[in-house]
Amino acid sequence: MYKRQTVYVGESDTHGHRPLFSEIVHRAHAAGLAGASAFRGVEGFGGSSLIHTARLLSLSEDLPVAVVVVDTEERVRAFLPVLAELAVEGLVTLDEVEVLHYGGGSRGAEGQPG
């Protein structure tokens, strides 16, 4: 069974001197996860209830960013303590996904992650 882990953070959130979304992607890579991507949102709101937008007249510098990881349930759940270590305050979700194709080269049988 495969899971999609999505971590929602703000573009201006940091860990040390690196953007938090970048730190999560690099930690996922170091943990050997099948892949991670960060997607910048154009508009959204979260726990603060403030709407952040990329519309020209608003010029927000704290747009929402979603970091998405897909791997086996075991590997994705094993990554949760890393998010806790990074003090991620944003929303973290886990969804079941069906992997139809994975072009990851030497990962697992039949091109599947894991």
PDB file of N, CA and C in Angstrom:
ATOM      1  N   MET A   1       0.845  -1.173   0.000  1.00  0.00           N
ATOM      2  CA  MET A   1       0.000   0.000   0.000  1.00  0.00           C
ATOM      3  C   MET A   1       0.893   1.240   0.000  1.00  0.00           C
ATOM      4  N   TYR A   2       0.528   2.207  -0.825  1.00  0.00           N
ATOM      5  CA  TYR A   2       1.303   3.430  -0.942  1.00  0.00           C
ATOM      6  C   TYR A   2       0.537   4.596  -0.336  1.00  0.00           C
ATOM      7  N   LYS A   3       1.292   5.533   0.197  1.00  0.00           N
ATOM      8  CA  LYS A   3       0.706   6.723   0.814  1.00  0.00           C
ATOM      9  C   LYS A   3       1.295   7.973   0.173  1.00  0.00           C
ATOM     10  N   ARG A   4       0.456   8.996   0.122  1.00  0.00           N
ATOM     11  CA  ARG A   4       0.907  10.320  -0.274  1.00  0.00           C
ATOM     12  C   ARG A   4       0.879  11.173   0.989  1.00  0.00           C
ATOM     13  N   GLN A   5       2.031  11.675   1.352  1.00  0.00           N
ATOM     14  CA  GLN A   5       2.147  12.568   2.498  1.00  0.00           C
ATOM     15  C   GLN A   5       2.251  13.981   1.955  1.00  0.00           C
ATOM     16  N   THR A   6       1.371  14.851   2.394  1.00  0.00           N
ATOM     17  CA  THR A   6       1.409  16.242   1.959  1.00  0.00           C
ATOM     18  C   THR A   6       1.611  17.118   3.187  1.00  0.00           C
ATOM     19  N   VAL A   7       2.613  17.970   3.109  1.00  0.00           N
ATOM     20  CA  VAL A   7       2.933  18.884   4.198  1.00  0.00           C
ATOM     21  C   VAL A   7       2.704  20.294   3.679  1.00  0.00           C
ATOM     22  N   TYR A   8       1.809  21.028   4.342  1.00  0.00           N
ATOM     23  CA  TYR A   8       1.473  22.387   3.937  1.00  0.00           C
ATOM     24  C   TYR A   8       2.200  23.363   4.851  1.00  0.00           C
ATOM     25  N   VAL A   9       3.031  24.200   4.269  1.00  0.00           N
ATOM     26  CA  VAL A   9       3.793  25.194   5.034  1.00  0.00           C
ATOM     27  C   VAL A   9       3.691  26.534   4.318  1.00  0.00           C
ATOM     28  N   GLY A  10       4.201  27.559   4.950  1.00  0.00           N
ATOM     29  CA  GLY A  10       4.272  28.871   4.324  1.00  0.00           C
ATOM     30  C   GLY A  10       5.596  29.040   3.602  1.00  0.00           C
ATOM     31  N   GLU A  11       5.576  29.780   2.535  1.00  0.00           N
ATOM     32  CA  GLU A  11       6.782  30.011   1.747  1.00  0.00           C
ATOM     33  C   GLU A  11       7.880  30.669   2.579  1.00  0.00           C
ATOM     34  N   SER A  12       7.508  31.476   3.551  1.00  0.00           N
ATOM     35  CA  SER A  12       8.510  32.178   4.359  1.00  0.00           C
ATOM     36  C   SER A  12       8.972  31.372   5.578  1.00  0.00           C
ATOM     37  N   ASP A  13       8.380  30.195   5.827  1.00  0.00           N
ATOM     38  CA  ASP A  13       8.817  29.358   6.953  1.00  0.00           C
ATOM     39  C   ASP A  13      10.234  28.849   6.685  1.00  0.00           C
ATOM     40  N   THR A  14      11.069  28.877   7.717  1.00  0.00           N
ATOM     41  CA  THR A  14      12.457  28.458   7.547  1.00  0.00           C
ATOM     42  C   THR A  14      12.868  27.452   8.609  1.00  0.00           C
ATOM     43  N   HIS A  15      13.937  26.741   8.289  1.00  0.00           N
ATOM     44  CA  HIS A  15      14.641  25.885   9.250  1.00  0.00           C
ATOM     45  C   HIS A  15      16.107  26.246   9.095  1.00  0.00           C
ATOM     46  N   GLY A  16      16.667  26.888  10.113  1.00  0.00           N
ATOM     47  CA  GLY A  16      18.021  27.422   9.966  1.00  0.00           C
ATOM     48  C   GLY A  16      17.997  28.524   8.918  1.00  0.00           C
ATOM     49  N   HIS A  17      18.857  28.412   7.923  1.00  0.00           N
ATOM     50  CA  HIS A  17      18.932  29.422   6.869  1.00  0.00           C
ATOM     51  C   HIS A  17      18.272  28.960   5.575  1.00  0.00           C
ATOM     52  N   ARG A  18      17.574  27.835   5.608  1.00  0.00           N
ATOM     53  CA  ARG A  18      16.972  27.269   4.400  1.00  0.00           C
ATOM     54  C   ARG A  18      15.449  27.337   4.513  1.00  0.00           C
ATOM     55  N   PRO A  19      14.759  27.568   3.401  1.00  0.00           N
ATOM     56  CA  PRO A  19      13.296  27.487   3.445  1.00  0.00           C
ATOM     57  C   PRO A  19      12.860  26.111   3.938  1.00  0.00           C
ATOM     58  N   LEU A  20      11.818  26.079   4.771  1.00  0.00           N
ATOM     59  CA  LEU A  20      11.359  24.824   5.365  1.00  0.00           C
ATOM     60  C   LEU A  20      10.971  23.807   4.296  1.00  0.00           C
ATOM     61  N   PHE A  21      10.291  24.261   3.228  1.00  0.00           N
ATOM     62  CA  PHE A  21       9.897  23.315   2.185  1.00  0.00           C
ATOM     63  C   PHE A  21      11.122  22.661   1.549  1.00  0.00           C
ATOM     64  N   SER A  22      12.195  23.417   1.379  1.00  0.00           N
ATOM     65  CA  SER A  22      13.431  22.878   0.809  1.00  0.00           C
ATOM     66  C   SER A  22      14.085  21.885   1.778  1.00  0.00           C
ATOM     67  N   GLU A  23      14.077  22.213   3.043  1.00  0.00           N
ATOM     68  CA  GLU A  23      14.650  21.314   4.059  1.00  0.00           C
ATOM     69  C   GLU A  23      13.903  19.984   4.084  1.00  0.00           C
ATOM     70  N   ILE A  24      12.571  20.033   3.969  1.00  0.00           N
ATOM     71  CA  ILE A  24      11.774  18.802   3.953  1.00  0.00           C
ATOM     72  C   ILE A  24      12.135  17.958   2.736  1.00  0.00           C
ATOM     73  N   VAL A  25      12.241  18.577   1.558  1.00  0.00           N
ATOM     74  CA  VAL A  25      12.608  17.836   0.345  1.00  0.00           C
ATOM     75  C   VAL A  25      13.985  17.198   0.505  1.00  0.00           C
ATOM     76  N   HIS A  26      14.958  17.954   1.013  1.00  0.00           N
ATOM     77  CA  HIS A  26      16.311  17.408   1.185  1.00  0.00           C
ATOM     78  C   HIS A  26      16.349  16.292   2.219  1.00  0.00           C
ATOM     79  N   ARG A  27      15.584  16.440   3.296  1.00  0.00           N
ATOM     80  CA  ARG A  27      15.534  15.365   4.310  1.00  0.00           C
ATOM     81  C   ARG A  27      14.863  14.120   3.750  1.00  0.00           C
ATOM     82  N   ALA A  28      13.824  14.287   2.927  1.00  0.00           N
ATOM     83  CA  ALA A  28      13.165  13.143   2.292  1.00  0.00           C
ATOM     84  C   ALA A  28      14.142  12.416   1.370  1.00  0.00           C
ATOM     85  N   HIS A  29      14.950  13.172   0.659  1.00  0.00           N
ATOM     86  CA  HIS A  29      15.967  12.579  -0.210  1.00  0.00           C
ATOM     87  C   HIS A  29      16.985  11.802   0.612  1.00  0.00           C
ATOM     88  N   ALA A  30      17.461  12.412   1.687  1.00  0.00           N
ATOM     89  CA  ALA A  30      18.440  11.752   2.568  1.00  0.00           C
ATOM     90  C   ALA A  30      17.869  10.497   3.210  1.00  0.00           C
ATOM     91  N   ALA A  31      16.558  10.486   3.450  1.00  0.00           N
ATOM     92  CA  ALA A  31      15.898   9.327   4.058  1.00  0.00           C
ATOM     93  C   ALA A  31      15.655   8.216   3.039  1.00  0.00           C
ATOM     94  N   GLY A  32      15.953   8.471   1.772  1.00  0.00           N
ATOM     95  CA  GLY A  32      15.795   7.444   0.751  1.00  0.00           C
ATOM     96  C   GLY A  32      14.373   7.261   0.254  1.00  0.00           C
ATOM     97  N   LEU A  33      13.525   8.260   0.480  1.00  0.00           N
ATOM     98  CA  LEU A  33      12.152   8.152  -0.008  1.00  0.00           C
ATOM     99  C   LEU A  33      12.140   8.197  -1.531  1.00  0.00           C
ATOM    100  N   ALA A  34      11.090   7.667  -2.123  1.00  0.00           N
ATOM    101  CA  ALA A  34      11.014   7.536  -3.581  1.00  0.00           C
ATOM    102  C   ALA A  34      11.054   8.885  -4.284  1.00  0.00           C
ATOM    103  N   GLY A  35      10.498   9.921  -3.680  1.00  0.00           N
ATOM    104  CA  GLY A  35      10.518  11.236  -4.296  1.00  0.00           C
ATOM    105  C   GLY A  35       9.756  12.236  -3.465  1.00  0.00           C
ATOM    106  N   ALA A  36      10.075  13.497  -3.670  1.00  0.00           N
ATOM    107  CA  ALA A  36       9.377  14.582  -2.990  1.00  0.00           C
ATOM    108  C   ALA A  36       9.389  15.792  -3.915  1.00  0.00           C
ATOM    109  N   SER A  37       8.292  16.508  -3.933  1.00  0.00           N
ATOM    110  CA  SER A  37       8.183  17.727  -4.738  1.00  0.00           C
ATOM    111  C   SER A  37       7.507  18.806  -3.915  1.00  0.00           C
ATOM    112  N   ALA A  38       7.938  20.044  -4.126  1.00  0.00           N
ATOM    113  CA  ALA A  38       7.328  21.191  -3.467  1.00  0.00           C
ATOM    114  C   ALA A  38       6.566  21.990  -4.515  1.00  0.00           C
ATOM    115  N   PHE A  39       5.314  22.315  -4.201  1.00  0.00           N
ATOM    116  CA  PHE A  39       4.442  23.057  -5.104  1.00  0.00           C
ATOM    117  C   PHE A  39       4.028  24.365  -4.446  1.00  0.00           C
ATOM    118  N   ARG A  40       4.271  25.460  -5.135  1.00  0.00           N
ATOM    119  CA  ARG A  40       3.926  26.781  -4.620  1.00  0.00           C
ATOM    120  C   ARG A  40       2.481  27.097  -4.992  1.00  0.00           C
ATOM    121  N   GLY A  41       1.702  27.431  -4.002  1.00  0.00           N
ATOM    122  CA  GLY A  41       0.304  27.789  -4.244  1.00  0.00           C
ATOM    123  C   GLY A  41       0.174  29.222  -4.718  1.00  0.00           C
ATOM    124  N   VAL A  42      -0.912  29.499  -5.383  1.00  0.00           N
ATOM    125  CA  VAL A  42      -1.152  30.862  -5.837  1.00  0.00           C
ATOM    126  C   VAL A  42      -2.080  31.623  -4.898  1.00  0.00           C
ATOM    127  N   GLU A  43      -2.798  30.873  -4.058  1.00  0.00           N
ATOM    128  CA  GLU A  43      -3.669  31.519  -3.088  1.00  0.00           C
ATOM    129  C   GLU A  43      -4.081  30.477  -2.058  1.00  0.00           C
ATOM    130  N   GLY A  44      -4.243  30.900  -0.816  1.00  0.00           N
ATOM    131  CA  GLY A  44      -4.701  29.975   0.203  1.00  0.00           C
ATOM    132  C   GLY A  44      -4.714  30.607   1.578  1.00  0.00           C
ATOM    133  N   PHE A  45      -5.256  29.852   2.531  1.00  0.00           N
ATOM    134  CA  PHE A  45      -5.216  30.269   3.930  1.00  0.00           C
ATOM    135  C   PHE A  45      -5.116  29.024   4.785  1.00  0.00           C
ATOM    136  N   GLY A  46      -4.658  29.209   6.003  1.00  0.00           N
ATOM    137  CA  GLY A  46      -4.494  28.090   6.918  1.00  0.00           C
ATOM    138  C   GLY A  46      -4.971  28.470   8.298  1.00  0.00           C
ATOM    139  N   GLY A  47      -4.232  28.004   9.301  1.00  0.00           N
ATOM    140  CA  GLY A  47      -4.628  28.214  10.688  1.00  0.00           C
ATOM    141  C   GLY A  47      -4.772  29.672  11.089  1.00  0.00           C
ATOM    142  N   SER A  48      -4.022  30.545  10.430  1.00  0.00           N
ATOM    143  CA  SER A  48      -4.091  31.970  10.782  1.00  0.00           C
ATOM    144  C   SER A  48      -5.335  32.646  10.222  1.00  0.00           C
ATOM    145  N   SER A  49      -6.011  31.996   9.287  1.00  0.00           N
ATOM    146  CA  SER A  49      -7.182  32.521   8.583  1.00  0.00           C
ATOM    147  C   SER A  49      -6.886  33.726   7.703  1.00  0.00           C
ATOM    148  N   LEU A  50      -5.618  34.070   7.537  1.00  0.00           N
ATOM    149  CA  LEU A  50      -5.240  35.141   6.618  1.00  0.00           C
ATOM    150  C   LEU A  50      -5.137  34.564   5.217  1.00  0.00           C
ATOM    151  N   ILE A  51      -5.696  35.228   4.235  1.00  0.00           N
ATOM    152  CA  ILE A  51      -5.595  34.765   2.855  1.00  0.00           C
ATOM    153  C   ILE A  51      -4.304  35.309   2.249  1.00  0.00           C
ATOM    154  N   HIS A  52      -3.497  34.395   1.732  1.00  0.00           N
ATOM    155  CA  HIS A  52      -2.255  34.747   1.051  1.00  0.00           C
ATOM    156  C   HIS A  52      -2.484  34.523  -0.433  1.00  0.00           C
ATOM    157  N   THR A  53      -2.066  35.487  -1.247  1.00  0.00           N
ATOM    158  CA  THR A  53      -2.335  35.391  -2.681  1.00  0.00           C
ATOM    159  C   THR A  53      -1.155  35.897  -3.493  1.00  0.00           C
ATOM    160  N   ALA A  54      -1.029  35.393  -4.708  1.00  0.00           N
ATOM    161  CA  ALA A  54       0.017  35.840  -5.623  1.00  0.00           C
ATOM    162  C   ALA A  54      -0.502  36.890  -6.587  1.00  0.00           C
ATOM    163  N   ARG A  55      -1.759  37.285  -6.418  1.00  0.00           N
ATOM    164  CA  ARG A  55      -2.311  38.303  -7.315  1.00  0.00           C
ATOM    165  C   ARG A  55      -1.487  39.579  -7.226  1.00  0.00           C
ATOM    166  N   LEU A  56      -1.285  40.197  -8.343  1.00  0.00           N
ATOM    167  CA  LEU A  56      -0.384  41.335  -8.476  1.00  0.00           C
ATOM    168  C   LEU A  56      -0.621  42.444  -7.453  1.00  0.00           C
ATOM    169  N   LEU A  57      -1.867  42.748  -7.164  1.00  0.00           N
ATOM    170  CA  LEU A  57      -2.146  43.851  -6.253  1.00  0.00           C
ATOM    171  C   LEU A  57      -1.863  43.529  -4.794  1.00  0.00           C
ATOM    172  N   SER A  58      -1.739  42.228  -4.457  1.00  0.00           N
ATOM    173  CA  SER A  58      -1.527  41.850  -3.066  1.00  0.00           C
ATOM    174  C   SER A  58      -0.062  41.609  -2.725  1.00  0.00           C
ATOM    175  N   LEU A  59       0.729  41.122  -3.671  1.00  0.00           N
ATOM    176  CA  LEU A  59       2.163  40.894  -3.496  1.00  0.00           C
ATOM    177  C   LEU A  59       2.511  40.193  -2.177  1.00  0.00           C
ATOM    178  N   SER A  60       1.883  39.078  -1.920  1.00  0.00           N
ATOM    179  CA  SER A  60       2.186  38.313  -0.709  1.00  0.00           C
ATOM    180  C   SER A  60       3.559  37.669  -0.826  1.00  0.00           C
ATOM    181  N   GLU A  61       4.276  37.645   0.278  1.00  0.00           N
ATOM    182  CA  GLU A  61       5.567  36.971   0.301  1.00  0.00           C
ATOM    183  C   GLU A  61       5.496  35.699   1.138  1.00  0.00           C
ATOM    184  N   ASP A  62       4.319  35.276   1.494  1.00  0.00           N
ATOM    185  CA  ASP A  62       4.174  34.058   2.289  1.00  0.00           C
ATOM    186  C   ASP A  62       3.096  33.178   1.682  1.00  0.00           C
ATOM    187  N   LEU A  63       3.307  32.794   0.425  1.00  0.00           N
ATOM    188  CA  LEU A  63       2.348  31.945  -0.263  1.00  0.00           C
ATOM    189  C   LEU A  63       2.390  30.533   0.302  1.00  0.00           C
ATOM    190  N   PRO A  64       1.305  29.782   0.159  1.00  0.00           N
ATOM    191  CA  PRO A  64       1.311  28.401   0.638  1.00  0.00           C
ATOM    192  C   PRO A  64       2.207  27.527  -0.246  1.00  0.00           C
ATOM    193  N   VAL A  65       2.869  26.556   0.385  1.00  0.00           N
ATOM    194  CA  VAL A  65       3.684  25.574  -0.319  1.00  0.00           C
ATOM    195  C   VAL A  65       3.261  24.197   0.165  1.00  0.00           C
ATOM    196  N   ALA A  66       3.024  23.288  -0.764  1.00  0.00           N
ATOM    197  CA  ALA A  66       2.699  21.899  -0.424  1.00  0.00           C
ATOM    198  C   ALA A  66       3.878  21.025  -0.827  1.00  0.00           C
ATOM    199  N   VAL A  67       4.412  20.268   0.127  1.00  0.00           N
ATOM    200  CA  VAL A  67       5.477  19.311  -0.154  1.00  0.00           C
ATOM    201  C   VAL A  67       4.828  17.936  -0.189  1.00  0.00           C
ATOM    202  N   VAL A  68       4.955  17.245  -1.314  1.00  0.00           N
ATOM    203  CA  VAL A  68       4.283  15.966  -1.518  1.00  0.00           C
ATOM    204  C   VAL A  68       5.326  14.854  -1.635  1.00  0.00           C
ATOM    205  N   VAL A  69       5.130  13.804  -0.835  1.00  0.00           N
ATOM    206  CA  VAL A  69       5.989  12.616  -0.861  1.00  0.00           C
ATOM    207  C   VAL A  69       5.091  11.414  -1.108  1.00  0.00           C
ATOM    208  N   VAL A  70       5.496  10.523  -2.010  1.00  0.00           N
ATOM    209  CA  VAL A  70       4.769   9.271  -2.224  1.00  0.00           C
ATOM    210  C   VAL A  70       5.748   8.124  -2.072  1.00  0.00           C
ATOM    211  N   ASP A  71       5.404   7.181  -1.222  1.00  0.00           N
ATOM    212  CA  ASP A  71       6.214   5.978  -1.014  1.00  0.00           C
ATOM    213  C   ASP A  71       5.333   4.972  -0.286  1.00  0.00           C
ATOM    214  N   THR A  72       5.924   3.877   0.154  1.00  0.00           N
ATOM    215  CA  THR A  72       5.152   2.891   0.894  1.00  0.00           C
ATOM    216  C   THR A  72       4.686   3.497   2.210  1.00  0.00           C
ATOM    217  N   GLU A  73       3.613   2.943   2.733  1.00  0.00           N
ATOM    218  CA  GLU A  73       3.080   3.447   4.002  1.00  0.00           C
ATOM    219  C   GLU A  73       4.142   3.407   5.092  1.00  0.00           C
ATOM    220  N   GLU A  74       4.879   2.313   5.158  1.00  0.00           N
ATOM    221  CA  GLU A  74       5.904   2.159   6.197  1.00  0.00           C
ATOM    222  C   GLU A  74       6.961   3.260   6.107  1.00  0.00           C
ATOM    223  N   ARG A  75       7.434   3.537   4.895  1.00  0.00           N
ATOM    224  CA  ARG A  75       8.494   4.533   4.713  1.00  0.00           C
ATOM    225  C   ARG A  75       7.977   5.950   4.967  1.00  0.00           C
ATOM    226  N   VAL A  76       6.757   6.235   4.537  1.00  0.00           N
ATOM    227  CA  VAL A  76       6.189   7.570   4.757  1.00  0.00           C
ATOM    228  C   VAL A  76       5.941   7.801   6.243  1.00  0.00           C
ATOM    229  N   ARG A  77       5.414   6.799   6.921  1.00  0.00           N
ATOM    230  CA  ARG A  77       5.184   6.958   8.377  1.00  0.00           C
ATOM    231  C   ARG A  77       6.498   7.084   9.138  1.00  0.00           C
ATOM    232  N   ALA A  78       7.541   6.401   8.659  1.00  0.00           N
ATOM    233  CA  ALA A  78       8.854   6.503   9.303  1.00  0.00           C
ATOM    234  C   ALA A  78       9.444   7.908   9.157  1.00  0.00           C
ATOM    235  N   PHE A  79       8.954   8.676   8.188  1.00  0.00           N
ATOM    236  CA  PHE A  79       9.435  10.042   7.971  1.00  0.00           C
ATOM    237  C   PHE A  79       8.751  11.060   8.897  1.00  0.00           C
ATOM    238  N   LEU A  80       7.645  10.688   9.515  1.00  0.00           N
ATOM    239  CA  LEU A  80       6.907  11.613  10.388  1.00  0.00           C
ATOM    240  C   LEU A  80       7.759  12.192  11.524  1.00  0.00           C
ATOM    241  N   PRO A  81       8.638  11.398  12.189  1.00  0.00           N
ATOM    242  CA  PRO A  81       9.479  11.992  13.241  1.00  0.00           C
ATOM    243  C   PRO A  81      10.422  13.075  12.710  1.00  0.00           C
ATOM    244  N   VAL A  82      10.815  12.991  11.446  1.00  0.00           N
ATOM    245  CA  VAL A  82      11.654  14.040  10.858  1.00  0.00           C
ATOM    246  C   VAL A  82      10.874  15.347  10.802  1.00  0.00           C
ATOM    247  N   LEU A  83       9.600  15.265  10.419  1.00  0.00           N
ATOM    248  CA  LEU A  83       8.775  16.468  10.398  1.00  0.00           C
ATOM    249  C   LEU A  83       8.623  17.044  11.799  1.00  0.00           C
ATOM    250  N   ALA A  84       8.492  16.180  12.789  1.00  0.00           N
ATOM    251  CA  ALA A  84       8.397  16.645  14.177  1.00  0.00           C
ATOM    252  C   ALA A  84       9.702  17.328  14.593  1.00  0.00           C
ATOM    253  N   GLU A  85      10.826  16.745  14.185  1.00  0.00           N
ATOM    254  CA  GLU A  85      12.136  17.330  14.500  1.00  0.00           C
ATOM    255  C   GLU A  85      12.294  18.717  13.870  1.00  0.00           C
ATOM    256  N   LEU A  86      11.726  18.890  12.675  1.00  0.00           N
ATOM    257  CA  LEU A  86      11.793  20.178  11.994  1.00  0.00           C
ATOM    258  C   LEU A  86      10.780  21.170  12.541  1.00  0.00           C
ATOM    259  N   ALA A  87       9.986  20.740  13.510  1.00  0.00           N
ATOM    260  CA  ALA A  87       8.963  21.580  14.144  1.00  0.00           C
ATOM    261  C   ALA A  87       7.982  22.131  13.119  1.00  0.00           C
ATOM    262  N   VAL A  88       7.558  21.264  12.204  1.00  0.00           N
ATOM    263  CA  VAL A  88       6.577  21.661  11.197  1.00  0.00           C
ATOM    264  C   VAL A  88       5.258  21.962  11.902  1.00  0.00           C
ATOM    265  N   GLU A  89       4.770  23.171  11.737  1.00  0.00           N
ATOM    266  CA  GLU A  89       3.515  23.570  12.366  1.00  0.00           C
ATOM    267  C   GLU A  89       2.354  23.532  11.387  1.00  0.00           C
ATOM    268  N   GLY A  90       2.653  23.347  10.108  1.00  0.00           N
ATOM    269  CA  GLY A  90       1.606  23.306   9.097  1.00  0.00           C
ATOM    270  C   GLY A  90       0.854  21.991   9.134  1.00  0.00           C
ATOM    271  N   LEU A  91      -0.158  21.917   8.305  1.00  0.00           N
ATOM    272  CA  LEU A  91      -0.989  20.723   8.192  1.00  0.00           C
ATOM    273  C   LEU A  91      -0.206  19.597   7.516  1.00  0.00           C
ATOM    274  N   VAL A  92      -0.326  18.386   8.041  1.00  0.00           N
ATOM    275  CA  VAL A  92       0.290  17.202   7.433  1.00  0.00           C
ATOM    276  C   VAL A  92      -0.827  16.190   7.208  1.00  0.00           C
ATOM    277  N   THR A  93      -0.958  15.706   5.974  1.00  0.00           N
ATOM    278  CA  THR A  93      -1.995  14.726   5.662  1.00  0.00           C
ATOM    279  C   THR A  93      -1.372  13.480   5.056  1.00  0.00           C
ATOM    280  N   LEU A  94      -2.067  12.351   5.227  1.00  0.00           N
ATOM    281  CA  LEU A  94      -1.694  11.083   4.596  1.00  0.00           C
ATOM    282  C   LEU A  94      -2.902  10.563   3.841  1.00  0.00           C
ATOM    283  N   ASP A  95      -2.686  10.229   2.578  1.00  0.00           N
ATOM    284  CA  ASP A  95      -3.753   9.687   1.744  1.00  0.00           C
ATOM    285  C   ASP A  95      -3.258   8.390   1.120  1.00  0.00           C
ATOM    286  N   GLU A  96      -4.175   7.443   0.951  1.00  0.00           N
ATOM    287  CA  GLU A  96      -3.839   6.232   0.217  1.00  0.00           C
ATOM    288  C   GLU A  96      -3.838   6.571  -1.270  1.00  0.00           C
ATOM    289  N   VAL A  97      -2.824   6.091  -1.984  1.00  0.00           N
ATOM    290  CA  VAL A  97      -2.744   6.324  -3.429  1.00  0.00           C
ATOM    291  C   VAL A  97      -2.438   5.015  -4.142  1.00  0.00           C
ATOM    292  N   GLU A  98      -2.832   4.962  -5.398  1.00  0.00           N
ATOM    293  CA  GLU A  98      -2.503   3.838  -6.253  1.00  0.00           C
ATOM    294  C   GLU A  98      -1.411   4.305  -7.210  1.00  0.00           C
ATOM    295  N   VAL A  99      -0.248   3.674  -7.152  1.00  0.00           N
ATOM    296  CA  VAL A  99       0.851   4.037  -8.036  1.00  0.00           C
ATOM    297  C   VAL A  99       0.680   3.263  -9.335  1.00  0.00           C
ATOM    298  N   LEU A 100       0.475   3.975 -10.426  1.00  0.00           N
ATOM    299  CA  LEU A 100       0.268   3.344 -11.722  1.00  0.00           C
ATOM    300  C   LEU A 100       1.558   3.208 -12.505  1.00  0.00           C
ATOM    301  N   HIS A 101       2.480   4.136 -12.310  1.00  0.00           N
ATOM    302  CA  HIS A 101       3.766   4.099 -12.998  1.00  0.00           C
ATOM    303  C   HIS A 101       4.770   4.872 -12.175  1.00  0.00           C
ATOM    304  N   TYR A 102       5.993   4.371 -12.140  1.00  0.00           N
ATOM    305  CA  TYR A 102       7.068   5.068 -11.448  1.00  0.00           C
ATOM    306  C   TYR A 102       8.328   4.895 -12.266  1.00  0.00           C
ATOM    307  N   GLY A 103       8.899   5.979 -12.729  1.00  0.00           N
ATOM    308  CA  GLY A 103      10.095   5.920 -13.562  1.00  0.00           C
ATOM    309  C   GLY A 103      11.353   6.148 -12.765  1.00  0.00           C
ATOM    310  N   GLY A 104      11.447   5.559 -11.587  1.00  0.00           N
ATOM    311  CA  GLY A 104      12.558   5.817 -10.681  1.00  0.00           C
ATOM    312  C   GLY A 104      13.787   4.964 -10.874  1.00  0.00           C
ATOM    313  N   GLY A 105      13.893   4.253 -11.968  1.00  0.00           N
ATOM    314  CA  GLY A 105      15.105   3.487 -12.225  1.00  0.00           C
ATOM    315  C   GLY A 105      15.209   2.237 -11.377  1.00  0.00           C
ATOM    316  N   SER A 106      16.133   2.220 -10.437  1.00  0.00           N
ATOM    317  CA  SER A 106      16.452   0.993  -9.705  1.00  0.00           C
ATOM    318  C   SER A 106      15.628   0.775  -8.449  1.00  0.00           C
ATOM    319  N   ARG A 107      14.531   1.487  -8.281  1.00  0.00           N
ATOM    320  CA  ARG A 107      13.713   1.338  -7.081  1.00  0.00           C
ATOM    321  C   ARG A 107      12.772   0.157  -7.207  1.00  0.00           C
ATOM    322  N   GLY A 108      12.817  -0.799  -6.362  1.00  0.00           N
ATOM    323  CA  GLY A 108      11.798  -1.838  -6.225  1.00  0.00           C
ATOM    324  C   GLY A 108      11.436  -2.598  -7.496  1.00  0.00           C
ATOM    325  N   ALA A 109      10.562  -3.590  -7.323  1.00  0.00           N
ATOM    326  CA  ALA A 109      10.122  -4.428  -8.407  1.00  0.00           C
ATOM    327  C   ALA A 109       9.170  -3.686  -9.316  1.00  0.00           C
ATOM    328  N   GLU A 110       9.229  -3.942 -10.590  1.00  0.00           N
ATOM    329  CA  GLU A 110       8.321  -3.387 -11.591  1.00  0.00           C
ATOM    330  C   GLU A 110       8.256  -1.865 -11.550  1.00  0.00           C
ATOM    331  N   GLY A 111       9.384  -1.237 -11.190  1.00  0.00           N
ATOM    332  CA  GLY A 111       9.435   0.219 -11.208  1.00  0.00           C
ATOM    333  C   GLY A 111       8.672   0.901 -10.089  1.00  0.00           C
ATOM    334  N   GLN A 112       8.195   0.152  -9.103  1.00  0.00           N
ATOM    335  CA  GLN A 112       7.439   0.748  -8.011  1.00  0.00           C
ATOM    336  C   GLN A 112       8.390   1.253  -6.923  1.00  0.00           C
ATOM    337  N   PRO A 113       8.002   2.288  -6.210  1.00  0.00           N
ATOM    338  CA  PRO A 113       8.827   2.759  -5.102  1.00  0.00           C
ATOM    339  C   PRO A 113       8.962   1.690  -4.039  1.00  0.00           C
ATOM    340  N   GLY A 114      10.048   1.768  -3.307  1.00  0.00           N
ATOM    341  CA  GLY A 114      10.209   0.875  -2.159  1.00  0.00           C
ATOM    342  C   GLY A 114      11.043  -0.233  -2.412  1.00  0.00           C
TER     343      GLY A 114
END
